Amino acid sequence: MKKTILLTLALATTFCLGFAFKTIITTNNPNKIKKVTGIGGIFFKCKDPRAMREWYQKHLGLETNPYGATFEWYEGPDSTKKAQTQWTPFKENTKYFEPSTREFMINYRVENLEALVEELKKEGVTIVDKVETYDYGKFVHILDAEGNKVELWEPKD
């Protein structure tokens, strides 16, 4: 009986120590940059952005404006921290997606954009432009492995 109790205690202790060690390593690593935290926006080309906004408003109930539609949501466990995802149709001849030839572009929400850009440069990722700052956050564009233009956004929430 004592052997069973000691063995159970040893296994439980080993499990708890392993879990604690993993938690310490993954949460207290100051060198690890948190990269993508969510989808910031979805952008696509179309013949008539105004007509497209109207179609989505009429048939799918999107509350559109001249820029598309904004979806508001709350971040994680903090129900006071509001965030947004943007949906925007662009004219089919827009140059905004260049140098990509794709019909779409995804905007990813990130944390600490400048540090992330430095890390991406070291990893050989193509940075299309410089970080630009606006009253609603910082932006930069990169190219993924297939040449798709990707927008990175550090929101000023």
N, C-alpha and C. Protein backbone atom coordinates (compact mmCIF):
# COMPACT_ATOMS: atom_id res chain seq x y z
N MET A 1 0.82 -1.20 0.00
CA MET A 1 0.00 0.00 0.00
C MET A 1 0.87 1.26 0.00
N LYS A 2 1.94 1.26 0.83
CA LYS A 2 2.83 2.42 0.88
C LYS A 2 3.52 2.63 -0.46
N LYS A 3 3.89 1.52 -1.13
CA LYS A 3 4.54 1.63 -2.43
C LYS A 3 3.63 2.31 -3.44
N THR A 4 2.36 1.96 -3.44
CA THR A 4 1.40 2.54 -4.37
C THR A 4 1.24 4.03 -4.12
N ILE A 5 1.14 4.42 -2.84
CA ILE A 5 1.01 5.83 -2.50
C ILE A 5 2.26 6.60 -2.90
N LEU A 6 3.43 6.06 -2.60
CA LEU A 6 4.68 6.72 -2.96
C LEU A 6 4.84 6.84 -4.48
N LEU A 7 4.49 5.78 -5.19
CA LEU A 7 4.58 5.81 -6.65
C LEU A 7 3.62 6.85 -7.23
N THR A 8 2.39 6.92 -6.71
CA THR A 8 1.41 7.90 -7.17
C THR A 8 1.90 9.32 -6.88
N LEU A 9 2.44 9.54 -5.68
CA LEU A 9 2.97 10.86 -5.33
C LEU A 9 4.15 11.23 -6.22
N ALA A 10 5.03 10.27 -6.51
CA ALA A 10 6.19 10.54 -7.37
C ALA A 10 5.74 10.91 -8.78
N LEU A 11 4.76 10.19 -9.31
CA LEU A 11 4.25 10.49 -10.65
C LEU A 11 3.56 11.85 -10.69
N ALA A 12 2.75 12.13 -9.68
CA ALA A 12 2.06 13.42 -9.63
C ALA A 12 3.06 14.56 -9.51
N THR A 13 4.08 14.39 -8.67
CA THR A 13 5.11 15.42 -8.50
C THR A 13 5.86 15.64 -9.81
N THR A 14 6.23 14.56 -10.49
CA THR A 14 6.95 14.66 -11.76
C THR A 14 6.10 15.39 -12.80
N PHE A 15 4.83 15.05 -12.86
CA PHE A 15 3.93 15.72 -13.80
C PHE A 15 3.84 17.21 -13.49
N CYS A 16 3.62 17.55 -12.23
CA CYS A 16 3.49 18.97 -11.84
C CYS A 16 4.77 19.75 -12.12
N LEU A 17 5.92 19.16 -11.82
CA LEU A 17 7.18 19.84 -12.09
C LEU A 17 7.39 20.04 -13.59
N GLY A 18 7.05 19.05 -14.38
CA GLY A 18 7.17 19.17 -15.83
C GLY A 18 6.26 20.26 -16.37
N PHE A 19 5.03 20.29 -15.88
CA PHE A 19 4.09 21.33 -16.30
C PHE A 19 4.58 22.71 -15.90
N ALA A 20 5.07 22.84 -14.66
CA ALA A 20 5.57 24.13 -14.18
C ALA A 20 6.77 24.59 -14.99
N PHE A 21 7.68 23.67 -15.30
CA PHE A 21 8.87 24.01 -16.08
C PHE A 21 8.49 24.48 -17.47
N LYS A 22 7.56 23.76 -18.11
CA LYS A 22 7.10 24.15 -19.45
C LYS A 22 6.45 25.53 -19.41
N THR A 23 5.64 25.79 -18.40
CA THR A 23 4.98 27.09 -18.27
C THR A 23 5.99 28.21 -18.10
N ILE A 24 6.99 28.00 -17.27
CA ILE A 24 8.02 29.01 -17.05
C ILE A 24 8.78 29.30 -18.33
N ILE A 25 9.16 28.26 -19.06
CA ILE A 25 9.93 28.43 -20.29
C ILE A 25 9.12 29.15 -21.35
N THR A 26 7.85 28.81 -21.52
CA THR A 26 7.07 29.39 -22.62
C THR A 26 6.50 30.76 -22.30
N THR A 27 6.34 31.12 -21.02
CA THR A 27 5.76 32.42 -20.71
C THR A 27 6.78 33.46 -20.29
N ASN A 28 7.96 33.04 -19.89
CA ASN A 28 8.94 34.01 -19.41
C ASN A 28 10.12 34.17 -20.35
N ASN A 29 9.93 33.90 -21.62
CA ASN A 29 11.01 34.04 -22.58
C ASN A 29 10.95 35.44 -23.18
N PRO A 30 11.81 36.37 -22.69
CA PRO A 30 11.74 37.74 -23.17
C PRO A 30 12.19 37.90 -24.62
N ASN A 31 12.90 36.93 -25.16
CA ASN A 31 13.38 37.02 -26.54
C ASN A 31 12.34 36.59 -27.56
N LYS A 32 11.29 35.94 -27.11
CA LYS A 32 10.27 35.46 -28.04
C LYS A 32 9.30 36.59 -28.36
N ILE A 33 9.19 36.93 -29.63
CA ILE A 33 8.28 37.99 -30.07
C ILE A 33 6.94 37.35 -30.40
N LYS A 34 5.89 37.93 -29.86
CA LYS A 34 4.56 37.47 -30.22
C LYS A 34 4.29 38.02 -31.61
N LYS A 35 3.97 37.17 -32.51
CA LYS A 35 3.80 37.60 -33.90
C LYS A 35 2.35 37.92 -34.19
N VAL A 36 1.67 37.14 -34.97
CA VAL A 36 0.28 37.44 -35.34
C VAL A 36 -0.65 37.18 -34.15
N THR A 37 -1.51 38.16 -33.88
CA THR A 37 -2.48 38.02 -32.80
C THR A 37 -3.91 37.89 -33.31
N GLY A 38 -4.11 38.08 -34.62
CA GLY A 38 -5.44 37.95 -35.18
C GLY A 38 -5.50 38.49 -36.60
N ILE A 39 -6.66 38.40 -37.21
CA ILE A 39 -6.88 38.95 -38.54
C ILE A 39 -7.32 40.40 -38.38
N GLY A 40 -6.58 41.31 -38.99
CA GLY A 40 -6.92 42.73 -38.91
C GLY A 40 -7.83 43.17 -40.03
N GLY A 41 -7.76 42.48 -41.16
CA GLY A 41 -8.61 42.86 -42.28
C GLY A 41 -8.49 41.92 -43.45
N ILE A 42 -9.51 41.92 -44.27
CA ILE A 42 -9.53 41.15 -45.51
C ILE A 42 -9.87 42.12 -46.62
N PHE A 43 -9.00 42.19 -47.60
CA PHE A 43 -9.16 43.14 -48.71
C PHE A 43 -9.17 42.35 -50.02
N PHE A 44 -10.03 42.74 -50.96
CA PHE A 44 -10.09 42.04 -52.23
C PHE A 44 -10.46 43.00 -53.35
N LYS A 45 -10.07 42.63 -54.56
CA LYS A 45 -10.36 43.44 -55.74
C LYS A 45 -11.71 43.05 -56.32
N CYS A 46 -12.39 44.04 -56.88
CA CYS A 46 -13.66 43.80 -57.56
C CYS A 46 -13.90 44.92 -58.57
N LYS A 47 -14.83 44.71 -59.48
CA LYS A 47 -15.09 45.70 -60.54
C LYS A 47 -15.68 47.00 -59.98
N ASP A 48 -16.59 46.87 -59.01
CA ASP A 48 -17.30 48.05 -58.49
C ASP A 48 -17.42 47.93 -56.97
N PRO A 49 -16.48 48.52 -56.23
CA PRO A 49 -16.51 48.41 -54.77
C PRO A 49 -17.82 48.92 -54.13
N ARG A 50 -18.37 50.01 -54.66
CA ARG A 50 -19.61 50.55 -54.11
C ARG A 50 -20.75 49.54 -54.26
N ALA A 51 -20.88 48.97 -55.46
CA ALA A 51 -21.93 47.98 -55.70
C ALA A 51 -21.70 46.74 -54.83
N MET A 52 -20.44 46.37 -54.64
CA MET A 52 -20.12 45.20 -53.82
C MET A 52 -20.51 45.46 -52.35
N ARG A 53 -20.21 46.67 -51.85
CA ARG A 53 -20.61 47.00 -50.48
C ARG A 53 -22.13 46.95 -50.34
N GLU A 54 -22.82 47.51 -51.33
CA GLU A 54 -24.29 47.51 -51.30
C GLU A 54 -24.84 46.09 -51.33
N TRP A 55 -24.25 45.20 -52.16
CA TRP A 55 -24.71 43.82 -52.24
C TRP A 55 -24.56 43.12 -50.89
N TYR A 56 -23.38 43.28 -50.28
CA TYR A 56 -23.15 42.64 -48.98
C TYR A 56 -24.05 43.23 -47.90
N GLN A 57 -24.35 44.52 -48.01
CA GLN A 57 -25.24 45.14 -47.03
C GLN A 57 -26.67 44.57 -47.20
N LYS A 58 -27.14 44.52 -48.44
CA LYS A 58 -28.49 44.06 -48.72
C LYS A 58 -28.68 42.57 -48.41
N HIS A 59 -27.76 41.75 -48.90
CA HIS A 59 -27.96 40.31 -48.83
C HIS A 59 -27.38 39.64 -47.59
N LEU A 60 -26.32 40.20 -47.03
CA LEU A 60 -25.70 39.56 -45.86
C LEU A 60 -25.73 40.44 -44.61
N GLY A 61 -26.32 41.63 -44.73
CA GLY A 61 -26.52 42.46 -43.56
C GLY A 61 -25.30 43.18 -43.01
N LEU A 62 -24.22 43.28 -43.81
CA LEU A 62 -23.05 44.01 -43.34
C LEU A 62 -23.39 45.49 -43.21
N GLU A 63 -22.98 46.09 -42.12
CA GLU A 63 -23.15 47.53 -41.94
C GLU A 63 -21.96 48.20 -42.61
N THR A 64 -22.13 48.58 -43.88
CA THR A 64 -21.02 49.08 -44.66
C THR A 64 -20.92 50.60 -44.58
N ASN A 65 -19.71 51.07 -44.93
CA ASN A 65 -19.41 52.50 -45.04
C ASN A 65 -18.51 52.65 -46.26
N PRO A 66 -18.04 53.85 -46.59
CA PRO A 66 -17.21 54.00 -47.79
C PRO A 66 -15.92 53.16 -47.80
N TYR A 67 -15.51 52.65 -46.64
CA TYR A 67 -14.29 51.84 -46.57
C TYR A 67 -14.58 50.34 -46.53
N GLY A 68 -15.81 49.95 -46.42
CA GLY A 68 -16.16 48.53 -46.33
C GLY A 68 -17.03 48.29 -45.11
N ALA A 69 -16.56 47.45 -44.22
CA ALA A 69 -17.29 47.16 -42.98
C ALA A 69 -16.26 46.87 -41.89
N THR A 70 -16.62 47.24 -40.68
CA THR A 70 -15.73 46.99 -39.55
C THR A 70 -16.45 46.07 -38.57
N PHE A 71 -15.78 44.99 -38.22
CA PHE A 71 -16.32 44.04 -37.25
C PHE A 71 -15.61 44.29 -35.92
N GLU A 72 -16.37 44.61 -34.88
CA GLU A 72 -15.78 44.83 -33.57
C GLU A 72 -15.95 43.57 -32.73
N TRP A 73 -14.96 43.29 -31.93
CA TRP A 73 -14.96 42.12 -31.05
C TRP A 73 -14.09 42.44 -29.85
N TYR A 74 -14.06 41.56 -28.89
CA TYR A 74 -13.28 41.77 -27.67
C TYR A 74 -12.15 40.77 -27.60
N GLU A 75 -10.99 41.27 -27.18
CA GLU A 75 -9.79 40.44 -27.13
C GLU A 75 -9.78 39.55 -25.89
N GLY A 76 -9.63 38.26 -26.13
CA GLY A 76 -9.39 37.27 -25.08
C GLY A 76 -10.19 37.47 -23.80
N PRO A 77 -9.53 37.21 -22.70
CA PRO A 77 -10.23 37.22 -21.41
C PRO A 77 -10.61 38.63 -20.93
N ASP A 78 -9.98 39.68 -21.48
CA ASP A 78 -10.28 41.04 -21.07
C ASP A 78 -11.43 41.58 -21.90
N SER A 79 -12.65 41.50 -21.36
CA SER A 79 -13.83 41.88 -22.13
C SER A 79 -13.99 43.40 -22.26
N THR A 80 -13.03 44.17 -21.78
CA THR A 80 -13.07 45.62 -21.96
C THR A 80 -12.19 46.07 -23.11
N LYS A 81 -11.36 45.17 -23.64
CA LYS A 81 -10.41 45.52 -24.68
C LYS A 81 -11.03 45.25 -26.06
N LYS A 82 -11.57 46.30 -26.66
CA LYS A 82 -12.24 46.16 -27.95
C LYS A 82 -11.21 46.11 -29.08
N ALA A 83 -11.49 45.32 -30.10
CA ALA A 83 -10.63 45.21 -31.28
C ALA A 83 -11.52 45.20 -32.51
N GLN A 84 -10.89 45.25 -33.70
CA GLN A 84 -11.68 45.25 -34.92
C GLN A 84 -10.99 44.51 -36.05
N THR A 85 -11.81 44.04 -36.96
CA THR A 85 -11.34 43.44 -38.20
C THR A 85 -12.04 44.20 -39.32
N GLN A 86 -11.27 44.60 -40.32
CA GLN A 86 -11.80 45.41 -41.43
C GLN A 86 -12.04 44.53 -42.66
N TRP A 87 -13.15 44.74 -43.34
CA TRP A 87 -13.48 44.08 -44.59
C TRP A 87 -13.60 45.18 -45.64
N THR A 88 -12.78 45.10 -46.71
CA THR A 88 -12.77 46.19 -47.69
C THR A 88 -12.65 45.70 -49.12
N PRO A 89 -13.63 46.03 -49.99
CA PRO A 89 -13.47 45.79 -51.42
C PRO A 89 -12.70 46.97 -52.05
N PHE A 90 -11.76 46.66 -52.94
CA PHE A 90 -10.98 47.67 -53.67
C PHE A 90 -11.32 47.59 -55.15
N LYS A 91 -11.12 48.67 -55.89
CA LYS A 91 -11.30 48.64 -57.34
C LYS A 91 -10.35 47.60 -57.93
N GLU A 92 -10.78 46.94 -59.00
CA GLU A 92 -9.99 45.87 -59.59
C GLU A 92 -8.66 46.34 -60.15
N ASN A 93 -8.51 47.63 -60.43
CA ASN A 93 -7.24 48.14 -60.97
C ASN A 93 -6.38 48.83 -59.91
N THR A 94 -6.68 48.60 -58.63
CA THR A 94 -5.89 49.22 -57.56
C THR A 94 -4.43 48.80 -57.63
N LYS A 95 -3.57 49.70 -57.29
CA LYS A 95 -2.13 49.40 -57.23
C LYS A 95 -1.73 49.04 -55.80
N TYR A 96 -2.66 49.15 -54.86
CA TYR A 96 -2.36 48.95 -53.45
C TYR A 96 -1.83 47.55 -53.13
N PHE A 97 -2.22 46.54 -53.91
CA PHE A 97 -1.78 45.17 -53.63
C PHE A 97 -0.42 44.86 -54.24
N GLU A 98 0.09 45.76 -55.11
CA GLU A 98 1.38 45.51 -55.77
C GLU A 98 2.52 45.47 -54.76
N PRO A 99 3.53 44.67 -54.98
CA PRO A 99 3.88 43.98 -56.21
C PRO A 99 3.16 42.66 -56.43
N SER A 100 2.29 42.25 -55.51
CA SER A 100 1.53 41.02 -55.70
C SER A 100 0.55 41.18 -56.85
N THR A 101 0.29 40.11 -57.56
CA THR A 101 -0.69 40.13 -58.65
C THR A 101 -2.01 39.47 -58.21
N ARG A 102 -2.11 39.11 -56.96
CA ARG A 102 -3.31 38.44 -56.43
C ARG A 102 -4.49 39.40 -56.32
N GLU A 103 -5.64 38.83 -56.20
CA GLU A 103 -6.88 39.58 -56.09
C GLU A 103 -7.25 39.91 -54.64
N PHE A 104 -6.39 39.53 -53.70
CA PHE A 104 -6.72 39.71 -52.29
C PHE A 104 -5.47 40.11 -51.50
N MET A 105 -5.69 40.61 -50.31
CA MET A 105 -4.60 40.86 -49.37
C MET A 105 -5.18 40.70 -47.97
N ILE A 106 -4.43 40.06 -47.11
CA ILE A 106 -4.86 39.87 -45.72
C ILE A 106 -4.02 40.78 -44.83
N ASN A 107 -4.66 41.38 -43.87
CA ASN A 107 -4.01 42.22 -42.87
C ASN A 107 -4.00 41.42 -41.57
N TYR A 108 -2.81 41.25 -41.00
CA TYR A 108 -2.69 40.54 -39.73
C TYR A 108 -2.38 41.53 -38.61
N ARG A 109 -3.06 41.38 -37.50
CA ARG A 109 -2.77 42.15 -36.30
C ARG A 109 -1.52 41.57 -35.66
N VAL A 110 -0.61 42.43 -35.24
CA VAL A 110 0.63 41.96 -34.60
C VAL A 110 0.93 42.84 -33.38
N GLU A 111 1.87 42.38 -32.57
CA GLU A 111 2.37 43.17 -31.46
C GLU A 111 3.82 43.52 -31.75
N ASN A 112 4.25 44.71 -31.32
CA ASN A 112 5.65 45.15 -31.43
C ASN A 112 6.16 45.03 -32.87
N LEU A 113 5.53 45.80 -33.75
CA LEU A 113 5.80 45.71 -35.19
C LEU A 113 7.26 45.94 -35.54
N GLU A 114 7.89 46.95 -34.94
CA GLU A 114 9.28 47.25 -35.30
C GLU A 114 10.22 46.08 -34.99
N ALA A 115 10.06 45.47 -33.82
CA ALA A 115 10.88 44.31 -33.47
C ALA A 115 10.60 43.14 -34.40
N LEU A 116 9.33 42.96 -34.76
CA LEU A 116 8.96 41.88 -35.68
C LEU A 116 9.60 42.10 -37.05
N VAL A 117 9.60 43.34 -37.55
CA VAL A 117 10.20 43.65 -38.85
C VAL A 117 11.70 43.32 -38.82
N GLU A 118 12.38 43.67 -37.74
CA GLU A 118 13.81 43.35 -37.63
C GLU A 118 14.03 41.84 -37.66
N GLU A 119 13.19 41.08 -36.97
CA GLU A 119 13.31 39.63 -36.98
C GLU A 119 13.04 39.07 -38.38
N LEU A 120 12.03 39.61 -39.06
CA LEU A 120 11.70 39.14 -40.40
C LEU A 120 12.83 39.42 -41.38
N LYS A 121 13.48 40.58 -41.24
CA LYS A 121 14.63 40.90 -42.10
C LYS A 121 15.73 39.86 -41.91
N LYS A 122 16.02 39.50 -40.67
CA LYS A 122 17.05 38.50 -40.37
C LYS A 122 16.69 37.15 -40.98
N GLU A 123 15.40 36.87 -41.09
CA GLU A 123 14.93 35.60 -41.64
C GLU A 123 14.82 35.63 -43.16
N GLY A 124 15.17 36.77 -43.78
CA GLY A 124 15.17 36.86 -45.23
C GLY A 124 13.82 37.18 -45.85
N VAL A 125 12.86 37.63 -45.06
CA VAL A 125 11.54 37.98 -45.58
C VAL A 125 11.63 39.32 -46.31
N THR A 126 10.97 39.43 -47.46
CA THR A 126 10.96 40.68 -48.23
C THR A 126 10.04 41.69 -47.55
N ILE A 127 10.62 42.82 -47.16
CA ILE A 127 9.86 43.92 -46.57
C ILE A 127 9.60 44.91 -47.72
N VAL A 128 8.36 45.18 -48.04
CA VAL A 128 8.00 45.98 -49.21
C VAL A 128 8.20 47.47 -48.98
N ASP A 129 7.93 47.95 -47.78
CA ASP A 129 8.00 49.38 -47.52
C ASP A 129 8.45 49.63 -46.08
N LYS A 130 8.43 50.89 -45.66
CA LYS A 130 8.83 51.25 -44.30
C LYS A 130 7.60 51.22 -43.39
N VAL A 131 7.85 51.06 -42.10
CA VAL A 131 6.76 51.13 -41.12
C VAL A 131 6.20 52.55 -41.15
N GLU A 132 4.89 52.64 -41.30
CA GLU A 132 4.21 53.94 -41.28
C GLU A 132 3.28 53.98 -40.08
N THR A 133 3.21 55.15 -39.44
CA THR A 133 2.39 55.31 -38.25
C THR A 133 1.24 56.26 -38.52
N TYR A 134 0.05 55.85 -38.11
CA TYR A 134 -1.17 56.65 -38.23
C TYR A 134 -1.81 56.73 -36.84
N ASP A 135 -2.87 57.49 -36.71
CA ASP A 135 -3.49 57.61 -35.40
C ASP A 135 -4.16 56.31 -34.95
N TYR A 136 -4.36 55.35 -35.83
CA TYR A 136 -4.98 54.07 -35.48
C TYR A 136 -3.99 52.90 -35.48
N GLY A 137 -2.68 53.19 -35.65
CA GLY A 137 -1.69 52.13 -35.54
C GLY A 137 -0.55 52.25 -36.52
N LYS A 138 0.31 51.24 -36.51
CA LYS A 138 1.48 51.18 -37.38
C LYS A 138 1.27 50.08 -38.42
N PHE A 139 1.80 50.31 -39.64
CA PHE A 139 1.62 49.36 -40.73
C PHE A 139 2.94 49.13 -41.47
N VAL A 140 3.07 47.95 -42.03
CA VAL A 140 4.15 47.64 -42.97
C VAL A 140 3.64 46.50 -43.86
N HIS A 141 4.22 46.38 -45.06
CA HIS A 141 3.84 45.31 -45.98
C HIS A 141 5.03 44.40 -46.22
N ILE A 142 4.75 43.11 -46.30
CA ILE A 142 5.77 42.11 -46.61
C ILE A 142 5.25 41.22 -47.72
N LEU A 143 6.13 40.37 -48.26
CA LEU A 143 5.70 39.35 -49.24
C LEU A 143 5.86 37.98 -48.60
N ASP A 144 4.86 37.12 -48.80
CA ASP A 144 4.98 35.76 -48.28
C ASP A 144 5.77 34.90 -49.27
N ALA A 145 5.85 33.61 -49.02
CA ALA A 145 6.67 32.70 -49.82
C ALA A 145 6.25 32.63 -51.29
N GLU A 146 4.99 32.97 -51.60
CA GLU A 146 4.51 32.92 -52.99
C GLU A 146 4.32 34.32 -53.59
N GLY A 147 4.86 35.34 -52.92
CA GLY A 147 4.78 36.70 -53.46
C GLY A 147 3.48 37.43 -53.18
N ASN A 148 2.66 36.90 -52.28
CA ASN A 148 1.43 37.60 -51.89
C ASN A 148 1.80 38.74 -50.95
N LYS A 149 1.26 39.91 -51.22
CA LYS A 149 1.49 41.04 -50.33
C LYS A 149 0.65 40.84 -49.07
N VAL A 150 1.29 41.00 -47.92
CA VAL A 150 0.64 40.83 -46.61
C VAL A 150 0.82 42.13 -45.85
N GLU A 151 -0.24 42.61 -45.25
CA GLU A 151 -0.16 43.83 -44.46
C GLU A 151 -0.09 43.45 -42.97
N LEU A 152 0.88 44.01 -42.26
CA LEU A 152 1.01 43.79 -40.83
C LEU A 152 0.60 45.09 -40.13
N TRP A 153 -0.22 44.97 -39.10
CA TRP A 153 -0.78 46.12 -38.41
C TRP A 153 -0.63 45.96 -36.91
N GLU A 154 0.03 46.93 -36.30
CA GLU A 154 0.06 46.99 -34.84
C GLU A 154 -0.96 48.06 -34.45
N PRO A 155 -2.16 47.63 -34.03
CA PRO A 155 -3.21 48.60 -33.73
C PRO A 155 -2.89 49.44 -32.51
N LYS A 156 -3.40 50.64 -32.52
CA LYS A 156 -3.31 51.50 -31.34
C LYS A 156 -4.67 51.40 -30.68
N ASP A 157 -4.85 50.33 -29.89
CA ASP A 157 -6.14 50.06 -29.25
C ASP A 157 -6.30 50.85 -27.98
